[in-house]
mmCIF file of all heavy atoms, coordinates in Angstrom:
data_MODEL
# 
_entry.id   MODEL 
# 
loop_
_atom_site.group_PDB 
_atom_site.id 
_atom_site.type_symbol 
_atom_site.label_atom_id 
_atom_site.label_alt_id 
_atom_site.label_comp_id 
_atom_site.label_asym_id 
_atom_site.label_entity_id 
_atom_site.label_seq_id 
_atom_site.pdbx_PDB_ins_code 
_atom_site.Cartn_x 
_atom_site.Cartn_y 
_atom_site.Cartn_z 
_atom_site.occupancy 
_atom_site.B_iso_or_equiv 
_atom_site.pdbx_formal_charge 
_atom_site.auth_seq_id 
_atom_site.auth_comp_id 
_atom_site.auth_asym_id 
_atom_site.auth_atom_id 
_atom_site.pdbx_PDB_model_num 
ATOM 1   N N   . GLY A 1 1  ? 0.880  -1.202  0.007   1.00 0.00 ? 1  GLY A N   1 
ATOM 2   C CA  . GLY A 1 1  ? 0.039  -0.077  0.001   1.00 0.00 ? 1  GLY A CA  1 
ATOM 3   C C   . GLY A 1 1  ? 0.874  1.230   -0.040  1.00 0.00 ? 1  GLY A C   1 
ATOM 4   O O   . GLY A 1 1  ? 2.098  1.153   0.215   1.00 0.00 ? 1  GLY A O   1 
ATOM 5   N N   . THR A 1 2  ? 0.267  2.367   -0.175  1.00 0.00 ? 2  THR A N   1 
ATOM 6   C CA  . THR A 1 2  ? 1.127  3.650   -0.218  1.00 0.00 ? 2  THR A CA  1 
ATOM 7   C C   . THR A 1 2  ? 1.709  3.942   1.091   1.00 0.00 ? 2  THR A C   1 
ATOM 8   O O   . THR A 1 2  ? 1.098  3.814   2.125   1.00 0.00 ? 2  THR A O   1 
ATOM 9   C CB  . THR A 1 2  ? 0.124  4.825   -0.555  1.00 0.00 ? 2  THR A CB  1 
ATOM 10  O OG1 . THR A 1 2  ? -0.600 4.622   -1.771  1.00 0.00 ? 2  THR A OG1 1 
ATOM 11  C CG2 . THR A 1 2  ? 0.879  6.139   -0.593  1.00 0.00 ? 2  THR A CG2 1 
ATOM 12  N N   . GLY A 1 3  ? 2.964  4.020   1.085   1.00 0.00 ? 3  GLY A N   1 
ATOM 13  C CA  . GLY A 1 3  ? 3.800  4.154   2.303   1.00 0.00 ? 3  GLY A CA  1 
ATOM 14  C C   . GLY A 1 3  ? 4.131  2.918   3.046   1.00 0.00 ? 3  GLY A C   1 
ATOM 15  O O   . GLY A 1 3  ? 4.991  3.024   4.063   1.00 0.00 ? 3  GLY A O   1 
ATOM 16  N N   . ALA A 1 4  ? 3.646  1.793   2.592   1.00 0.00 ? 4  ALA A N   1 
ATOM 17  C CA  . ALA A 1 4  ? 4.036  0.540   3.205   1.00 0.00 ? 4  ALA A CA  1 
ATOM 18  C C   . ALA A 1 4  ? 5.234  -0.113  2.654   1.00 0.00 ? 4  ALA A C   1 
ATOM 19  O O   . ALA A 1 4  ? 5.919  0.531   1.849   1.00 0.00 ? 4  ALA A O   1 
ATOM 20  C CB  . ALA A 1 4  ? 2.815  -0.441  2.974   1.00 0.00 ? 4  ALA A CB  1 
ATOM 21  N N   . THR A 1 5  ? 5.663  -1.247  3.240   1.00 0.00 ? 5  THR A N   1 
ATOM 22  C CA  . THR A 1 5  ? 6.902  -1.971  2.710   1.00 0.00 ? 5  THR A CA  1 
ATOM 23  C C   . THR A 1 5  ? 6.926  -2.067  1.221   1.00 0.00 ? 5  THR A C   1 
ATOM 24  O O   . THR A 1 5  ? 7.858  -1.688  0.550   1.00 0.00 ? 5  THR A O   1 
ATOM 25  C CB  . THR A 1 5  ? 7.068  -3.307  3.367   1.00 0.00 ? 5  THR A CB  1 
ATOM 26  O OG1 . THR A 1 5  ? 7.077  -3.157  4.872   1.00 0.00 ? 5  THR A OG1 1 
ATOM 27  C CG2 . THR A 1 5  ? 8.327  -3.891  2.861   1.00 0.00 ? 5  THR A CG2 1 
ATOM 28  N N   . VAL A 1 6  ? 5.837  -2.522  0.690   1.00 0.00 ? 6  VAL A N   1 
ATOM 29  C CA  . VAL A 1 6  ? 5.790  -2.517  -0.872  1.00 0.00 ? 6  VAL A CA  1 
ATOM 30  C C   . VAL A 1 6  ? 4.864  -1.193  -1.147  1.00 0.00 ? 6  VAL A C   1 
ATOM 31  O O   . VAL A 1 6  ? 3.660  -1.190  -1.165  1.00 0.00 ? 6  VAL A O   1 
ATOM 32  C CB  . VAL A 1 6  ? 4.971  -3.811  -1.352  1.00 0.00 ? 6  VAL A CB  1 
ATOM 33  C CG1 . VAL A 1 6  ? 4.999  -3.897  -2.850  1.00 0.00 ? 6  VAL A CG1 1 
ATOM 34  C CG2 . VAL A 1 6  ? 5.635  -4.947  -0.755  1.00 0.00 ? 6  VAL A CG2 1 
ATOM 35  N N   . ASN A 1 7  ? 5.666  -0.224  -1.508  1.00 0.00 ? 7  ASN A N   1 
ATOM 36  C CA  . ASN A 1 7  ? 5.079  1.145   -1.617  1.00 0.00 ? 7  ASN A CA  1 
ATOM 37  C C   . ASN A 1 7  ? 4.501  1.366   -2.911  1.00 0.00 ? 7  ASN A C   1 
ATOM 38  O O   . ASN A 1 7  ? 5.048  2.006   -3.933  1.00 0.00 ? 7  ASN A O   1 
ATOM 39  C CB  . ASN A 1 7  ? 6.162  2.210   -1.301  1.00 0.00 ? 7  ASN A CB  1 
ATOM 40  C CG  . ASN A 1 7  ? 5.633  3.544   -1.149  1.00 0.00 ? 7  ASN A CG  1 
ATOM 41  O OD1 . ASN A 1 7  ? 4.434  3.795   -1.093  1.00 0.00 ? 7  ASN A OD1 1 
ATOM 42  N ND2 . ASN A 1 7  ? 6.484  4.601   -1.191  1.00 0.00 ? 7  ASN A ND2 1 
ATOM 43  N N   . VAL A 1 8  ? 3.254  0.924   -3.071  1.00 0.00 ? 8  VAL A N   1 
ATOM 44  C CA  . VAL A 1 8  ? 2.496  1.068   -4.465  1.00 0.00 ? 8  VAL A CA  1 
ATOM 45  C C   . VAL A 1 8  ? 1.026  1.242   -3.946  1.00 0.00 ? 8  VAL A C   1 
ATOM 46  O O   . VAL A 1 8  ? 0.543  0.750   -2.862  1.00 0.00 ? 8  VAL A O   1 
ATOM 47  C CB  . VAL A 1 8  ? 2.790  -0.063  -5.272  1.00 0.00 ? 8  VAL A CB  1 
ATOM 48  C CG1 . VAL A 1 8  ? 2.208  -1.250  -4.707  1.00 0.00 ? 8  VAL A CG1 1 
ATOM 49  C CG2 . VAL A 1 8  ? 2.119  0.238   -6.685  1.00 0.00 ? 8  VAL A CG2 1 
ATOM 50  N N   . ALA A 1 9  ? 0.139  1.834   -4.767  1.00 0.00 ? 9  ALA A N   1 
ATOM 51  C CA  . ALA A 1 9  ? -1.293 1.927   -4.420  1.00 0.00 ? 9  ALA A CA  1 
ATOM 52  C C   . ALA A 1 9  ? -1.779 0.537   -4.169  1.00 0.00 ? 9  ALA A C   1 
ATOM 53  O O   . ALA A 1 9  ? -1.587 -0.393  -5.029  1.00 0.00 ? 9  ALA A O   1 
ATOM 54  C CB  . ALA A 1 9  ? -1.990 2.698   -5.557  1.00 0.00 ? 9  ALA A CB  1 
ATOM 55  N N   . ARG A 1 10 ? -2.507 0.342   -3.135  1.00 0.00 ? 10 ARG A N   1 
ATOM 56  C CA  . ARG A 1 10 ? -3.002 -0.994  -2.628  1.00 0.00 ? 10 ARG A CA  1 
ATOM 57  C C   . ARG A 1 10 ? -3.813 -1.586  -3.696  1.00 0.00 ? 10 ARG A C   1 
ATOM 58  O O   . ARG A 1 10 ? -4.884 -1.105  -4.039  1.00 0.00 ? 10 ARG A O   1 
ATOM 59  C CB  . ARG A 1 10 ? -3.782 -0.826  -1.395  1.00 0.00 ? 10 ARG A CB  1 
ATOM 60  C CG  . ARG A 1 10 ? -4.445 -2.041  -0.849  1.00 0.00 ? 10 ARG A CG  1 
ATOM 61  C CD  . ARG A 1 10 ? -5.455 -1.808  0.293   1.00 0.00 ? 10 ARG A CD  1 
ATOM 62  N NE  . ARG A 1 10 ? -6.279 -2.977  0.493   1.00 0.00 ? 10 ARG A NE  1 
ATOM 63  C CZ  . ARG A 1 10 ? -7.391 -3.159  -0.103  1.00 0.00 ? 10 ARG A CZ  1 
ATOM 64  N NH1 . ARG A 1 10 ? -7.830 -2.349  -1.050  1.00 0.00 ? 10 ARG A NH1 1 
ATOM 65  N NH2 . ARG A 1 10 ? -8.105 -4.148  0.202   1.00 0.00 ? 10 ARG A NH2 1 
ATOM 66  N N   . PRO A 1 11 ? -3.489 -2.656  -4.270  1.00 0.00 ? 11 PRO A N   1 
ATOM 67  C CA  . PRO A 1 11 ? -4.346 -3.523  -5.230  1.00 0.00 ? 11 PRO A CA  1 
ATOM 68  C C   . PRO A 1 11 ? -5.626 -4.000  -4.513  1.00 0.00 ? 11 PRO A C   1 
ATOM 69  O O   . PRO A 1 11 ? -5.500 -4.474  -3.356  1.00 0.00 ? 11 PRO A O   1 
ATOM 70  C CB  . PRO A 1 11 ? -3.452 -4.663  -5.696  1.00 0.00 ? 11 PRO A CB  1 
ATOM 71  C CG  . PRO A 1 11 ? -2.084 -4.282  -5.352  1.00 0.00 ? 11 PRO A CG  1 
ATOM 72  C CD  . PRO A 1 11 ? -2.178 -3.520  -4.121  1.00 0.00 ? 11 PRO A CD  1 
ATOM 73  N N   . ASP A 1 12 ? -6.724 -3.709  -5.067  1.00 0.00 ? 12 ASP A N   1 
ATOM 74  C CA  . ASP A 1 12 ? -8.050 -4.229  -4.382  1.00 0.00 ? 12 ASP A CA  1 
ATOM 75  C C   . ASP A 1 12 ? -8.285 -5.597  -4.588  1.00 0.00 ? 12 ASP A C   1 
ATOM 76  O O   . ASP A 1 12 ? -9.120 -6.287  -3.998  1.00 0.00 ? 12 ASP A O   1 
ATOM 77  C CB  . ASP A 1 12 ? -9.137 -3.406  -5.032  1.00 0.00 ? 12 ASP A CB  1 
ATOM 78  C CG  . ASP A 1 12 ? -9.062 -1.866  -4.634  1.00 0.00 ? 12 ASP A CG  1 
ATOM 79  O OD1 . ASP A 1 12 ? -8.717 -1.633  -3.532  1.00 0.00 ? 12 ASP A OD1 1 
ATOM 80  O OD2 . ASP A 1 12 ? -9.453 -1.078  -5.546  1.00 0.00 ? 12 ASP A OD2 1 
ATOM 81  N N   . GLY A 1 13 ? -7.421 -6.333  -5.511  1.00 0.00 ? 13 GLY A N   1 
ATOM 82  C CA  . GLY A 1 13 ? -7.654 -7.805  -5.609  1.00 0.00 ? 13 GLY A CA  1 
ATOM 83  C C   . GLY A 1 13 ? -6.451 -8.288  -6.483  1.00 0.00 ? 13 GLY A C   1 
ATOM 84  O O   . GLY A 1 13 ? -5.679 -7.613  -6.932  1.00 0.00 ? 13 GLY A O   1 
ATOM 85  N N   . PRO A 1 14 ? -6.255 -9.637  -6.412  1.00 0.00 ? 14 PRO A N   1 
ATOM 86  C CA  . PRO A 1 14 ? -5.048 -10.146 -7.118  1.00 0.00 ? 14 PRO A CA  1 
ATOM 87  C C   . PRO A 1 14 ? -5.004 -9.811  -8.639  1.00 0.00 ? 14 PRO A C   1 
ATOM 88  O O   . PRO A 1 14 ? -3.998 -9.709  -9.152  1.00 0.00 ? 14 PRO A O   1 
ATOM 89  C CB  . PRO A 1 14 ? -5.387 -11.693 -7.017  1.00 0.00 ? 14 PRO A CB  1 
ATOM 90  C CG  . PRO A 1 14 ? -6.265 -11.860 -5.795  1.00 0.00 ? 14 PRO A CG  1 
ATOM 91  C CD  . PRO A 1 14 ? -7.141 -10.613 -5.793  1.00 0.00 ? 14 PRO A CD  1 
ATOM 92  N N   . SER A 1 15 ? -6.285 -9.549  -9.231  1.00 0.00 ? 15 SER A N   1 
ATOM 93  C CA  . SER A 1 15 ? -6.152 -9.286  -10.709 1.00 0.00 ? 15 SER A CA  1 
ATOM 94  C C   . SER A 1 15 ? -5.552 -7.928  -10.988 1.00 0.00 ? 15 SER A C   1 
ATOM 95  O O   . SER A 1 15 ? -5.113 -7.756  -12.194 1.00 0.00 ? 15 SER A O   1 
ATOM 96  C CB  . SER A 1 15 ? -7.681 -9.172  -11.249 1.00 0.00 ? 15 SER A CB  1 
ATOM 97  O OG  . SER A 1 15 ? -8.410 -8.141  -10.662 1.00 0.00 ? 15 SER A OG  1 
ATOM 98  N N   . GLN A 1 16 ? -5.480 -7.065  -10.073 1.00 0.00 ? 16 GLN A N   1 
ATOM 99  C CA  . GLN A 1 16 ? -4.806 -5.744  -10.204 1.00 0.00 ? 16 GLN A CA  1 
ATOM 100 C C   . GLN A 1 16 ? -3.206 -5.866  -10.216 1.00 0.00 ? 16 GLN A C   1 
ATOM 101 O O   . GLN A 1 16 ? -2.631 -4.937  -10.500 1.00 0.00 ? 16 GLN A O   1 
ATOM 102 C CB  . GLN A 1 16 ? -5.286 -4.779  -9.205  1.00 0.00 ? 16 GLN A CB  1 
ATOM 103 C CG  . GLN A 1 16 ? -6.792 -4.365  -9.435  1.00 0.00 ? 16 GLN A CG  1 
ATOM 104 C CD  . GLN A 1 16 ? -7.216 -3.271  -8.395  1.00 0.00 ? 16 GLN A CD  1 
ATOM 105 O OE1 . GLN A 1 16 ? -6.415 -2.812  -7.658  1.00 0.00 ? 16 GLN A OE1 1 
ATOM 106 N NE2 . GLN A 1 16 ? -8.440 -2.845  -8.657  1.00 0.00 ? 16 GLN A NE2 1 
ATOM 107 N N   . ILE A 1 17 ? -2.747 -7.031  -9.788  1.00 0.00 ? 17 ILE A N   1 
ATOM 108 C CA  . ILE A 1 17 ? -1.288 -7.278  -9.797  1.00 0.00 ? 17 ILE A CA  1 
ATOM 109 C C   . ILE A 1 17 ? -0.880 -7.891  -11.095 1.00 0.00 ? 17 ILE A C   1 
ATOM 110 O O   . ILE A 1 17 ? -1.415 -8.803  -11.458 1.00 0.00 ? 17 ILE A O   1 
ATOM 111 C CB  . ILE A 1 17 ? -0.922 -8.133  -8.642  1.00 0.00 ? 17 ILE A CB  1 
ATOM 112 C CG1 . ILE A 1 17 ? -1.182 -7.470  -7.351  1.00 0.00 ? 17 ILE A CG1 1 
ATOM 113 C CG2 . ILE A 1 17 ? 0.615  -8.435  -8.704  1.00 0.00 ? 17 ILE A CG2 1 
ATOM 114 C CD1 . ILE A 1 17 ? -0.835 -8.235  -6.031  1.00 0.00 ? 17 ILE A CD1 1 
ATOM 115 N N   . LEU A 1 18 ? 0.052  -7.194  -11.890 1.00 0.00 ? 18 LEU A N   1 
ATOM 116 C CA  . LEU A 1 18 ? 0.432  -7.764  -13.141 1.00 0.00 ? 18 LEU A CA  1 
ATOM 117 C C   . LEU A 1 18 ? 1.331  -8.870  -12.882 1.00 0.00 ? 18 LEU A C   1 
ATOM 118 O O   . LEU A 1 18 ? 1.330  -10.018 -13.474 1.00 0.00 ? 18 LEU A O   1 
ATOM 119 C CB  . LEU A 1 18 ? 1.088  -6.719  -13.955 1.00 0.00 ? 18 LEU A CB  1 
ATOM 120 C CG  . LEU A 1 18 ? 0.140  -5.555  -14.351 1.00 0.00 ? 18 LEU A CG  1 
ATOM 121 C CD1 . LEU A 1 18 ? 0.957  -4.517  -15.111 1.00 0.00 ? 18 LEU A CD1 1 
ATOM 122 C CD2 . LEU A 1 18 ? -0.993 -6.009  -15.224 1.00 0.00 ? 18 LEU A CD2 1 
ATOM 123 N N   . ARG A 1 19 ? 2.363  -8.727  -11.992 1.00 0.00 ? 19 ARG A N   1 
ATOM 124 C CA  . ARG A 1 19 ? 3.339  -9.722  -11.647 1.00 0.00 ? 19 ARG A CA  1 
ATOM 125 C C   . ARG A 1 19 ? 4.152  -9.381  -10.415 1.00 0.00 ? 19 ARG A C   1 
ATOM 126 O O   . ARG A 1 19 ? 4.338  -8.220  -10.118 1.00 0.00 ? 19 ARG A O   1 
ATOM 127 C CB  . ARG A 1 19 ? 4.168  -10.031 -12.875 1.00 0.00 ? 19 ARG A CB  1 
ATOM 128 C CG  . ARG A 1 19 ? 5.097  -8.821  -13.358 1.00 0.00 ? 19 ARG A CG  1 
ATOM 129 C CD  . ARG A 1 19 ? 5.836  -9.124  -14.669 1.00 0.00 ? 19 ARG A CD  1 
ATOM 130 N NE  . ARG A 1 19 ? 6.378  -7.908  -15.234 1.00 0.00 ? 19 ARG A NE  1 
ATOM 131 C CZ  . ARG A 1 19 ? 5.798  -6.909  -15.785 1.00 0.00 ? 19 ARG A CZ  1 
ATOM 132 N NH1 . ARG A 1 19 ? 4.421  -6.883  -16.037 1.00 0.00 ? 19 ARG A NH1 1 
ATOM 133 N NH2 . ARG A 1 19 ? 6.453  -5.824  -16.354 1.00 0.00 ? 19 ARG A NH2 1 
ATOM 134 N N   . VAL A 1 20 ? 4.713  -10.415 -9.783  1.00 0.00 ? 20 VAL A N   1 
ATOM 135 C CA  . VAL A 1 20 ? 5.664  -10.192 -8.732  1.00 0.00 ? 20 VAL A CA  1 
ATOM 136 C C   . VAL A 1 20 ? 6.854  -11.037 -9.176  1.00 0.00 ? 20 VAL A C   1 
ATOM 137 O O   . VAL A 1 20 ? 6.762  -12.221 -9.555  1.00 0.00 ? 20 VAL A O   1 
ATOM 138 C CB  . VAL A 1 20 ? 4.967  -10.725 -7.411  1.00 0.00 ? 20 VAL A CB  1 
ATOM 139 C CG1 . VAL A 1 20 ? 5.997  -10.588 -6.230  1.00 0.00 ? 20 VAL A CG1 1 
ATOM 140 C CG2 . VAL A 1 20 ? 3.776  -9.950  -7.085  1.00 0.00 ? 20 VAL A CG2 1 
ATOM 141 N N   . SER A 1 21 ? 8.067  -10.517 -8.722  1.00 0.00 ? 21 SER A N   1 
ATOM 142 C CA  . SER A 1 21 ? 9.296  -11.178 -9.110  1.00 0.00 ? 21 SER A CA  1 
ATOM 143 C C   . SER A 1 21 ? 10.355 -10.854 -7.963  1.00 0.00 ? 21 SER A C   1 
ATOM 144 O O   . SER A 1 21 ? 10.145 -10.003 -7.223  1.00 0.00 ? 21 SER A O   1 
ATOM 145 C CB  . SER A 1 21 ? 9.815  -10.608 -10.537 1.00 0.00 ? 21 SER A CB  1 
ATOM 146 O OG  . SER A 1 21 ? 9.981  -9.328  -10.486 1.00 0.00 ? 21 SER A OG  1 
ATOM 147 N N   . VAL A 1 22 ? 11.392 -11.638 -8.111  1.00 0.00 ? 22 VAL A N   1 
ATOM 148 C CA  . VAL A 1 22 ? 12.543 -11.454 -7.207  1.00 0.00 ? 22 VAL A CA  1 
ATOM 149 C C   . VAL A 1 22 ? 13.831 -11.536 -8.042  1.00 0.00 ? 22 VAL A C   1 
ATOM 150 O O   . VAL A 1 22 ? 13.884 -12.078 -9.074  1.00 0.00 ? 22 VAL A O   1 
ATOM 151 C CB  . VAL A 1 22 ? 12.592 -12.541 -6.096  1.00 0.00 ? 22 VAL A CB  1 
ATOM 152 C CG1 . VAL A 1 22 ? 11.338 -12.440 -5.195  1.00 0.00 ? 22 VAL A CG1 1 
ATOM 153 C CG2 . VAL A 1 22 ? 12.699 -13.840 -6.610  1.00 0.00 ? 22 VAL A CG2 1 
ATOM 154 N N   . ARG A 1 23 ? 14.811 -10.826 -7.458  1.00 0.00 ? 23 ARG A N   1 
ATOM 155 C CA  . ARG A 1 23 ? 16.227 -10.765 -8.121  1.00 0.00 ? 23 ARG A CA  1 
ATOM 156 C C   . ARG A 1 23 ? 17.240 -10.892 -6.991  1.00 0.00 ? 23 ARG A C   1 
ATOM 157 O O   . ARG A 1 23 ? 16.950 -10.223 -5.973  1.00 0.00 ? 23 ARG A O   1 
ATOM 158 C CB  . ARG A 1 23 ? 16.451 -9.653  -9.090  1.00 0.00 ? 23 ARG A CB  1 
ATOM 159 C CG  . ARG A 1 23 ? 16.188 -8.259  -8.372  1.00 0.00 ? 23 ARG A CG  1 
ATOM 160 C CD  . ARG A 1 23 ? 15.920 -7.161  -9.322  1.00 0.00 ? 23 ARG A CD  1 
ATOM 161 N NE  . ARG A 1 23 ? 17.174 -6.992  -10.202 1.00 0.00 ? 23 ARG A NE  1 
ATOM 162 C CZ  . ARG A 1 23 ? 18.076 -6.167  -10.043 1.00 0.00 ? 23 ARG A CZ  1 
ATOM 163 N NH1 . ARG A 1 23 ? 18.103 -5.453  -8.904  1.00 0.00 ? 23 ARG A NH1 1 
ATOM 164 N NH2 . ARG A 1 23 ? 19.137 -5.949  -10.875 1.00 0.00 ? 23 ARG A NH2 1 
ATOM 165 N N   . ASP A 1 24 ? 18.267 -11.532 -7.171  1.00 0.00 ? 24 ASP A N   1 
ATOM 166 C CA  . ASP A 1 24 ? 19.273 -11.761 -6.189  1.00 0.00 ? 24 ASP A CA  1 
ATOM 167 C C   . ASP A 1 24 ? 20.437 -10.618 -6.378  1.00 0.00 ? 24 ASP A C   1 
ATOM 168 O O   . ASP A 1 24 ? 21.112 -10.715 -7.387  1.00 0.00 ? 24 ASP A O   1 
ATOM 169 C CB  . ASP A 1 24 ? 19.911 -13.102 -6.200  1.00 0.00 ? 24 ASP A CB  1 
ATOM 170 C CG  . ASP A 1 24 ? 20.833 -13.404 -5.016  1.00 0.00 ? 24 ASP A CG  1 
ATOM 171 O OD1 . ASP A 1 24 ? 21.226 -12.472 -4.442  1.00 0.00 ? 24 ASP A OD1 1 
ATOM 172 O OD2 . ASP A 1 24 ? 21.102 -14.605 -4.858  1.00 0.00 ? 24 ASP A OD2 1 
ATOM 173 N N   . THR A 1 25 ? 20.401 -9.577  -5.536  1.00 0.00 ? 25 THR A N   1 
ATOM 174 C CA  . THR A 1 25 ? 21.330 -8.502  -5.809  1.00 0.00 ? 25 THR A CA  1 
ATOM 175 C C   . THR A 1 25 ? 22.797 -8.836  -5.392  1.00 0.00 ? 25 THR A C   1 
ATOM 176 O O   . THR A 1 25 ? 23.615 -8.102  -5.749  1.00 0.00 ? 25 THR A O   1 
ATOM 177 C CB  . THR A 1 25 ? 20.878 -7.340  -4.796  1.00 0.00 ? 25 THR A CB  1 
ATOM 178 O OG1 . THR A 1 25 ? 20.911 -7.793  -3.437  1.00 0.00 ? 25 THR A OG1 1 
ATOM 179 C CG2 . THR A 1 25 ? 19.549 -6.874  -5.214  1.00 0.00 ? 25 THR A CG2 1 
ATOM 180 N N   . ALA A 1 26 ? 23.036 -10.155 -4.941  1.00 0.00 ? 26 ALA A N   1 
ATOM 181 C CA  . ALA A 1 26 ? 24.394 -10.584 -4.675  1.00 0.00 ? 26 ALA A CA  1 
ATOM 182 C C   . ALA A 1 26 ? 25.048 -11.044 -5.992  1.00 0.00 ? 26 ALA A C   1 
ATOM 183 O O   . ALA A 1 26 ? 26.306 -11.052 -6.045  1.00 0.00 ? 26 ALA A O   1 
ATOM 184 C CB  . ALA A 1 26 ? 24.337 -11.632 -3.734  1.00 0.00 ? 26 ALA A CB  1 
# 
């Protein structure tokens, strides 16, 4: 949500999320 750890407008449902991914910065 806005200002939360994942700082983006809170999705109202799973369909509003296009994708979630991870990358290893090491």
